[in-house]
PDB file of N, CA and C in Angstrom:
ATOM      1  N   UNK A   1       0.851  -1.163   0.000  1.00  0.00           N
ATOM      2  CA  UNK A   1       0.000   0.000   0.000  1.00  0.00           C
ATOM      3  C   UNK A   1       0.902   1.233   0.000  1.00  0.00           C
ATOM      4  N   UNK A   2       0.540   2.220  -0.786  1.00  0.00           N
ATOM      5  CA  UNK A   2       1.310   3.466  -0.834  1.00  0.00           C
ATOM      6  C   UNK A   2       0.787   4.433   0.228  1.00  0.00           C
ATOM      7  N   UNK A   3       1.546   5.481   0.479  1.00  0.00           N
ATOM      8  CA  UNK A   3       1.131   6.483   1.450  1.00  0.00           C
ATOM      9  C   UNK A   3      -0.147   7.190   1.033  1.00  0.00           C
ATOM     10  N   UNK A   4      -0.288   7.433  -0.264  1.00  0.00           N
ATOM     11  CA  UNK A   4      -1.490   8.090  -0.779  1.00  0.00           C
ATOM     12  C   UNK A   4      -2.724   7.221  -0.554  1.00  0.00           C
ATOM     13  N   UNK A   5      -2.588   5.919  -0.791  1.00  0.00           N
ATOM     14  CA  UNK A   5      -3.700   5.004  -0.556  1.00  0.00           C
ATOM     15  C   UNK A   5      -4.029   4.931   0.937  1.00  0.00           C
ATOM     16  N   UNK A   6      -3.011   4.969   1.786  1.00  0.00           N
ATOM     17  CA  UNK A   6      -3.231   4.959   3.235  1.00  0.00           C
ATOM     18  C   UNK A   6      -4.066   6.164   3.664  1.00  0.00           C
ATOM     19  N   UNK A   7      -3.761   7.334   3.108  1.00  0.00           N
ATOM     20  CA  UNK A   7      -4.515   8.546   3.443  1.00  0.00           C
ATOM     21  C   UNK A   7      -5.968   8.405   3.001  1.00  0.00           C
ATOM     22  N   UNK A   8      -6.206   7.878   1.804  1.00  0.00           N
ATOM     23  CA  UNK A   8      -7.585   7.676   1.320  1.00  0.00           C
ATOM     24  C   UNK A   8      -8.361   6.728   2.232  1.00  0.00           C
ATOM     25  N   UNK A   9      -7.716   5.623   2.612  1.00  0.00           N
ATOM     26  CA  UNK A   9      -8.390   4.641   3.469  1.00  0.00           C
ATOM     27  C   UNK A   9      -8.634   5.193   4.865  1.00  0.00           C
ATOM     28  N   UNK A  10      -7.697   5.999   5.379  1.00  0.00           N
ATOM     29  CA  UNK A  10      -7.874   6.620   6.688  1.00  0.00           C
ATOM     30  C   UNK A  10      -9.031   7.617   6.658  1.00  0.00           C
ATOM     31  N   UNK A  11      -9.169   8.338   5.547  1.00  0.00           N
ATOM     32  CA  UNK A  11     -10.271   9.285   5.405  1.00  0.00           C
ATOM     33  C   UNK A  11     -11.612   8.551   5.416  1.00  0.00           C
ATOM     34  N   UNK A  12     -11.672   7.453   4.692  1.00  0.00           N
ATOM     35  CA  UNK A  12     -12.889   6.641   4.655  1.00  0.00           C
ATOM     36  C   UNK A  12     -13.210   6.086   6.047  1.00  0.00           C
ATOM     37  N   UNK A  13     -12.184   5.619   6.756  1.00  0.00           N
ATOM     38  CA  UNK A  13     -12.351   5.080   8.115  1.00  0.00           C
ATOM     39  C   UNK A  13     -12.878   6.168   9.061  1.00  0.00           C
ATOM     40  N   UNK A  14     -12.287   7.364   8.999  1.00  0.00           N
ATOM     41  CA  UNK A  14     -12.706   8.456   9.873  1.00  0.00           C
ATOM     42  C   UNK A  14     -14.144   8.875   9.583  1.00  0.00           C
ATOM     43  N   UNK A  15     -14.494   8.950   8.311  1.00  0.00           N
ATOM     44  CA  UNK A  15     -15.857   9.333   7.932  1.00  0.00           C
ATOM     45  C   UNK A  15     -16.865   8.309   8.446  1.00  0.00           C
ATOM     46  N   UNK A  16     -16.499   7.033   8.343  1.00  0.00           N
ATOM     47  CA  UNK A  16     -17.388   5.952   8.792  1.00  0.00           C
ATOM     48  C   UNK A  16     -17.662   6.038  10.292  1.00  0.00           C
ATOM     49  N   UNK A  17     -16.645   6.429  11.073  1.00  0.00           N
ATOM     50  CA  UNK A  17     -16.794   6.507  12.525  1.00  0.00           C
ATOM     51  C   UNK A  17     -17.158   7.906  13.016  1.00  0.00           C
ATOM     52  N   UNK A  18     -17.250   8.871  12.115  1.00  0.00           N
ATOM     53  CA  UNK A  18     -17.599  10.233  12.498  1.00  0.00           C
ATOM     54  C   UNK A  18     -16.475  10.968  13.203  1.00  0.00           C
ATOM     55  N   UNK A  19     -15.233  10.599  12.920  1.00  0.00           N
ATOM     56  CA  UNK A  19     -14.072  11.245  13.524  1.00  0.00           C
ATOM     57  C   UNK A  19     -13.574  12.380  12.647  1.00  0.00           C
ATOM     58  N   UNK A  20     -13.015  13.438  13.247  1.00  0.00           N
ATOM     59  CA  UNK A  20     -12.425  14.490  12.423  1.00  0.00           C
ATOM     60  C   UNK A  20     -11.191  13.966  11.693  1.00  0.00           C
ATOM     61  N   UNK A  21     -10.994  14.435  10.471  1.00  0.00           N
ATOM     62  CA  UNK A  21      -9.893  13.986   9.621  1.00  0.00           C
ATOM     63  C   UNK A  21      -9.218  15.199   9.005  1.00  0.00           C
ATOM     64  N   UNK A  22      -7.870  15.174   8.974  1.00  0.00           N
ATOM     65  CA  UNK A  22      -7.139  16.248   8.314  1.00  0.00           C
ATOM     66  C   UNK A  22      -5.794  15.707   7.843  1.00  0.00           C
ATOM     67  N   UNK A  23      -5.423  16.037   6.617  1.00  0.00           N
ATOM     68  CA  UNK A  23      -4.101  15.704   6.104  1.00  0.00           C
ATOM     69  C   UNK A  23      -3.423  16.994   5.709  1.00  0.00           C
ATOM     70  N   UNK A  24      -2.245  17.238   6.272  1.00  0.00           N
ATOM     71  CA  UNK A  24      -1.483  18.449   5.996  1.00  0.00           C
ATOM     72  C   UNK A  24      -0.178  18.064   5.306  1.00  0.00           C
ATOM     73  N   UNK A  25      -0.120  18.171   3.966  1.00  0.00           N
ATOM     74  CA  UNK A  25       1.087  17.751   3.248  1.00  0.00           C
ATOM     75  C   UNK A  25       2.296  18.648   3.515  1.00  0.00           C
ATOM     76  N   UNK A  26       2.083  19.849   4.013  1.00  0.00           N
ATOM     77  CA  UNK A  26       3.184  20.766   4.271  1.00  0.00           C
ATOM     78  C   UNK A  26       3.815  20.607   5.645  1.00  0.00           C
ATOM     79  N   UNK A  27       3.244  19.760   6.495  1.00  0.00           N
ATOM     80  CA  UNK A  27       3.735  19.616   7.864  1.00  0.00           C
ATOM     81  C   UNK A  27       4.948  18.694   7.970  1.00  0.00           C
ATOM     82  N   UNK A  28       5.234  17.920   6.950  1.00  0.00           N
ATOM     83  CA  UNK A  28       6.367  17.001   6.989  1.00  0.00           C
ATOM     84  C   UNK A  28       7.496  17.492   6.100  1.00  0.00           C
ATOM     85  N   UNK A  29       8.628  16.832   6.217  1.00  0.00           N
ATOM     86  CA  UNK A  29       9.771  17.197   5.376  1.00  0.00           C
ATOM     87  C   UNK A  29       9.718  16.401   4.072  1.00  0.00           C
ATOM     88  N   UNK A  30      10.101  17.040   2.992  1.00  0.00           N
ATOM     89  CA  UNK A  30      10.183  16.349   1.710  1.00  0.00           C
ATOM     90  C   UNK A  30       8.839  15.817   1.259  1.00  0.00           C
ATOM     91  N   UNK A  31       8.775  14.517   1.047  1.00  0.00           N
ATOM     92  CA  UNK A  31       7.543  13.900   0.536  1.00  0.00           C
ATOM     93  C   UNK A  31       6.695  13.319   1.661  1.00  0.00           C
ATOM     94  N   UNK A  32       6.808  13.857   2.871  1.00  0.00           N
ATOM     95  CA  UNK A  32       6.033  13.384   4.016  1.00  0.00           C
ATOM     96  C   UNK A  32       4.962  14.410   4.369  1.00  0.00           C
ATOM     97  N   UNK A  33       3.874  13.930   4.957  1.00  0.00           N
ATOM     98  CA  UNK A  33       2.805  14.799   5.416  1.00  0.00           C
ATOM     99  C   UNK A  33       2.298  14.324   6.768  1.00  0.00           C
ATOM    100  N   UNK A  34       1.523  15.154   7.431  1.00  0.00           N
ATOM    101  CA  UNK A  34       0.990  14.822   8.743  1.00  0.00           C
ATOM    102  C   UNK A  34      -0.491  14.506   8.605  1.00  0.00           C
ATOM    103  N   UNK A  35      -0.884  13.337   9.106  1.00  0.00           N
ATOM    104  CA  UNK A  35      -2.265  12.866   9.033  1.00  0.00           C
ATOM    105  C   UNK A  35      -2.866  12.873  10.427  1.00  0.00           C
ATOM    106  N   UNK A  36      -4.015  13.534  10.586  1.00  0.00           N
ATOM    107  CA  UNK A  36      -4.731  13.599  11.861  1.00  0.00           C
ATOM    108  C   UNK A  36      -6.053  12.861  11.717  1.00  0.00           C
ATOM    109  N   UNK A  37      -6.296  11.928  12.618  1.00  0.00           N
ATOM    110  CA  UNK A  37      -7.579  11.226  12.686  1.00  0.00           C
ATOM    111  C   UNK A  37      -8.007  11.276  14.141  1.00  0.00           C
ATOM    112  N   UNK A  38      -9.149  11.916  14.391  1.00  0.00           N
ATOM    113  CA  UNK A  38      -9.566  12.111  15.776  1.00  0.00           C
ATOM    114  C   UNK A  38      -8.575  13.053  16.442  1.00  0.00           C
ATOM    115  N   UNK A  39      -8.115  12.713  17.630  1.00  0.00           N
ATOM    116  CA  UNK A  39      -7.144  13.529  18.341  1.00  0.00           C
ATOM    117  C   UNK A  39      -5.724  13.039  18.185  1.00  0.00           C
ATOM    118  N   UNK A  40      -5.481  12.091  17.290  1.00  0.00           N
ATOM    119  CA  UNK A  40      -4.153  11.495  17.125  1.00  0.00           C
ATOM    120  C   UNK A  40      -3.595  11.801  15.748  1.00  0.00           C
ATOM    121  N   UNK A  41      -2.272  11.651  15.608  1.00  0.00           N
ATOM    122  CA  UNK A  41      -1.651  11.939  14.309  1.00  0.00           C
ATOM    123  C   UNK A  41      -0.487  10.996  14.055  1.00  0.00           C
ATOM    124  N   UNK A  42      -0.094  10.935  12.782  1.00  0.00           N
ATOM    125  CA  UNK A  42       1.083  10.196  12.347  1.00  0.00           C
ATOM    126  C   UNK A  42       1.658  10.885  11.123  1.00  0.00           C
ATOM    127  N   UNK A  43       2.908  10.614  10.831  1.00  0.00           N
ATOM    128  CA  UNK A  43       3.559  11.148   9.643  1.00  0.00           C
ATOM    129  C   UNK A  43       3.494  10.100   8.542  1.00  0.00           C
ATOM    130  N   UNK A  44       3.075  10.522   7.358  1.00  0.00           N
ATOM    131  CA  UNK A  44       2.859   9.597   6.250  1.00  0.00           C
ATOM    132  C   UNK A  44       3.807   9.914   5.097  1.00  0.00           C
ATOM    133  N   UNK A  45       4.657   8.951   4.695  1.00  0.00           N
ATOM    134  CA  UNK A  45       5.480   9.150   3.501  1.00  0.00           C
ATOM    135  C   UNK A  45       4.671   8.809   2.255  1.00  0.00           C
ATOM    136  N   UNK A  46       5.070   9.322   1.112  1.00  0.00           N
ATOM    137  CA  UNK A  46       4.355   9.050  -0.140  1.00  0.00           C
ATOM    138  C   UNK A  46       4.787   7.732  -0.771  1.00  0.00           C
ATOM    139  N   UNK A  47       5.826   7.106  -0.239  1.00  0.00           N
ATOM    140  CA  UNK A  47       6.362   5.871  -0.821  1.00  0.00           C
ATOM    141  C   UNK A  47       5.521   4.652  -0.446  1.00  0.00           C
ATOM    142  N   UNK A  48       5.943   3.508  -0.912  1.00  0.00           N
ATOM    143  CA  UNK A  48       5.299   2.230  -0.580  1.00  0.00           C
ATOM    144  C   UNK A  48       5.556   1.920   0.899  1.00  0.00           C
ATOM    145  N   UNK A  49       4.511   1.502   1.616  1.00  0.00           N
ATOM    146  CA  UNK A  49       4.612   1.235   3.046  1.00  0.00           C
ATOM    147  C   UNK A  49       4.814  -0.260   3.291  1.00  0.00           C
ATOM    148  N   UNK A  50       5.807  -0.587   4.093  1.00  0.00           N
ATOM    149  CA  UNK A  50       6.026  -1.972   4.488  1.00  0.00           C
ATOM    150  C   UNK A  50       5.110  -2.344   5.645  1.00  0.00           C
ATOM    151  N   UNK A  51       5.100  -3.622   6.009  1.00  0.00           N
ATOM    152  CA  UNK A  51       4.226  -4.103   7.082  1.00  0.00           C
ATOM    153  C   UNK A  51       4.498  -3.414   8.408  1.00  0.00           C
ATOM    154  N   UNK A  52       5.786  -3.284   8.755  1.00  0.00           N
ATOM    155  CA  UNK A  52       6.152  -2.690  10.041  1.00  0.00           C
ATOM    156  C   UNK A  52       5.762  -1.231  10.137  1.00  0.00           C
ATOM    157  N   UNK A  53       6.031  -0.465   9.077  1.00  0.00           N
ATOM    158  CA  UNK A  53       5.673   0.948   9.067  1.00  0.00           C
ATOM    159  C   UNK A  53       4.165   1.129   9.094  1.00  0.00           C
ATOM    160  N   UNK A  54       3.451   0.321   8.351  1.00  0.00           N
ATOM    161  CA  UNK A  54       1.990   0.379   8.334  1.00  0.00           C
ATOM    162  C   UNK A  54       1.431   0.102   9.726  1.00  0.00           C
ATOM    163  N   UNK A  55       1.949  -0.922  10.394  1.00  0.00           N
ATOM    164  CA  UNK A  55       1.496  -1.259  11.740  1.00  0.00           C
ATOM    165  C   UNK A  55       1.788  -0.122  12.718  1.00  0.00           C
ATOM    166  N   UNK A  56       2.954   0.499  12.600  1.00  0.00           N
ATOM    167  CA  UNK A  56       3.323   1.599  13.494  1.00  0.00           C
ATOM    168  C   UNK A  56       2.419   2.816  13.275  1.00  0.00           C
ATOM    169  N   UNK A  57       2.094   3.103  12.011  1.00  0.00           N
ATOM    170  CA  UNK A  57       1.228   4.243  11.715  1.00  0.00           C
ATOM    171  C   UNK A  57      -0.184   4.003  12.235  1.00  0.00           C
ATOM    172  N   UNK A  58      -0.690   2.790  12.086  1.00  0.00           N
ATOM    173  CA  UNK A  58      -2.010   2.458  12.624  1.00  0.00           C
ATOM    174  C   UNK A  58      -2.009   2.569  14.142  1.00  0.00           C
ATOM    175  N   UNK A  59      -0.929   2.137  14.779  1.00  0.00           N
ATOM    176  CA  UNK A  59      -0.810   2.230  16.233  1.00  0.00           C
ATOM    177  C   UNK A  59      -0.804   3.698  16.672  1.00  0.00           C
ATOM    178  N   UNK A  60      -0.079   4.549  15.940  1.00  0.00           N
ATOM    179  CA  UNK A  60      -0.049   5.984  16.240  1.00  0.00           C
ATOM    180  C   UNK A  60      -1.458   6.586  16.213  1.00  0.00           C
ATOM    181  N   UNK A  61      -2.263   6.115  15.269  1.00  0.00           N
ATOM    182  CA  UNK A  61      -3.622   6.648  15.121  1.00  0.00           C
ATOM    183  C   UNK A  61      -4.636   5.943  16.004  1.00  0.00           C
ATOM    184  N   UNK A  62      -4.226   4.854  16.663  1.00  0.00           N
ATOM    185  CA  UNK A  62      -5.148   4.107  17.516  1.00  0.00           C
ATOM    186  C   UNK A  62      -6.169   3.319  16.726  1.00  0.00           C
ATOM    187  N   UNK A  63      -5.787   2.849  15.544  1.00  0.00           N
ATOM    188  CA  UNK A  63      -6.685   2.102  14.665  1.00  0.00           C
ATOM    189  C   UNK A  63      -6.299   0.642  14.678  1.00  0.00           C
ATOM    190  N   UNK A  64      -7.292  -0.220  14.855  1.00  0.00           N
ATOM    191  CA  UNK A  64      -7.063  -1.664  14.791  1.00  0.00           C
ATOM    192  C   UNK A  64      -6.847  -2.059  13.336  1.00  0.00           C
ATOM    193  N   UNK A  65      -5.822  -2.854  13.079  1.00  0.00           N
ATOM    194  CA  UNK A  65      -5.499  -3.261  11.708  1.00  0.00           C
ATOM    195  C   UNK A  65      -6.628  -4.016  11.030  1.00  0.00           C
ATOM    196  N   UNK A  66      -7.386  -4.799  11.776  1.00  0.00           N
ATOM    197  CA  UNK A  66      -8.502  -5.554  11.211  1.00  0.00           C
ATOM    198  C   UNK A  66      -9.629  -4.633  10.768  1.00  0.00           C
ATOM    199  N   UNK A  67      -9.853  -3.563  11.526  1.00  0.00           N
ATOM    200  CA  UNK A  67     -10.937  -2.611  11.189  1.00  0.00           C
ATOM    201  C   UNK A  67     -10.549  -1.742  10.016  1.00  0.00           C
ATOM    202  N   UNK A  68      -9.259  -1.595   9.781  1.00  0.00           N
ATOM    203  CA  UNK A  68      -8.772  -0.744   8.709  1.00  0.00           C
ATOM    204  C   UNK A  68      -8.786  -1.479   7.397  1.00  0.00           C
TER     205      UNK A  68
END
């Protein structure tokens, strides 16, 4: 999964649960952006995400991998 796809899926997840969602592409360095879901945030790169990075980003946002 790419970072762009992760942002799309996170937006869909937040909308489904009625959580506030915001992606700020200017908040990160280079090709990174800051993703806010609810009261939590994570930094999202635009590259392909490996399993470990994906799991860490979901943990940062407090999202269960099965629900995502």
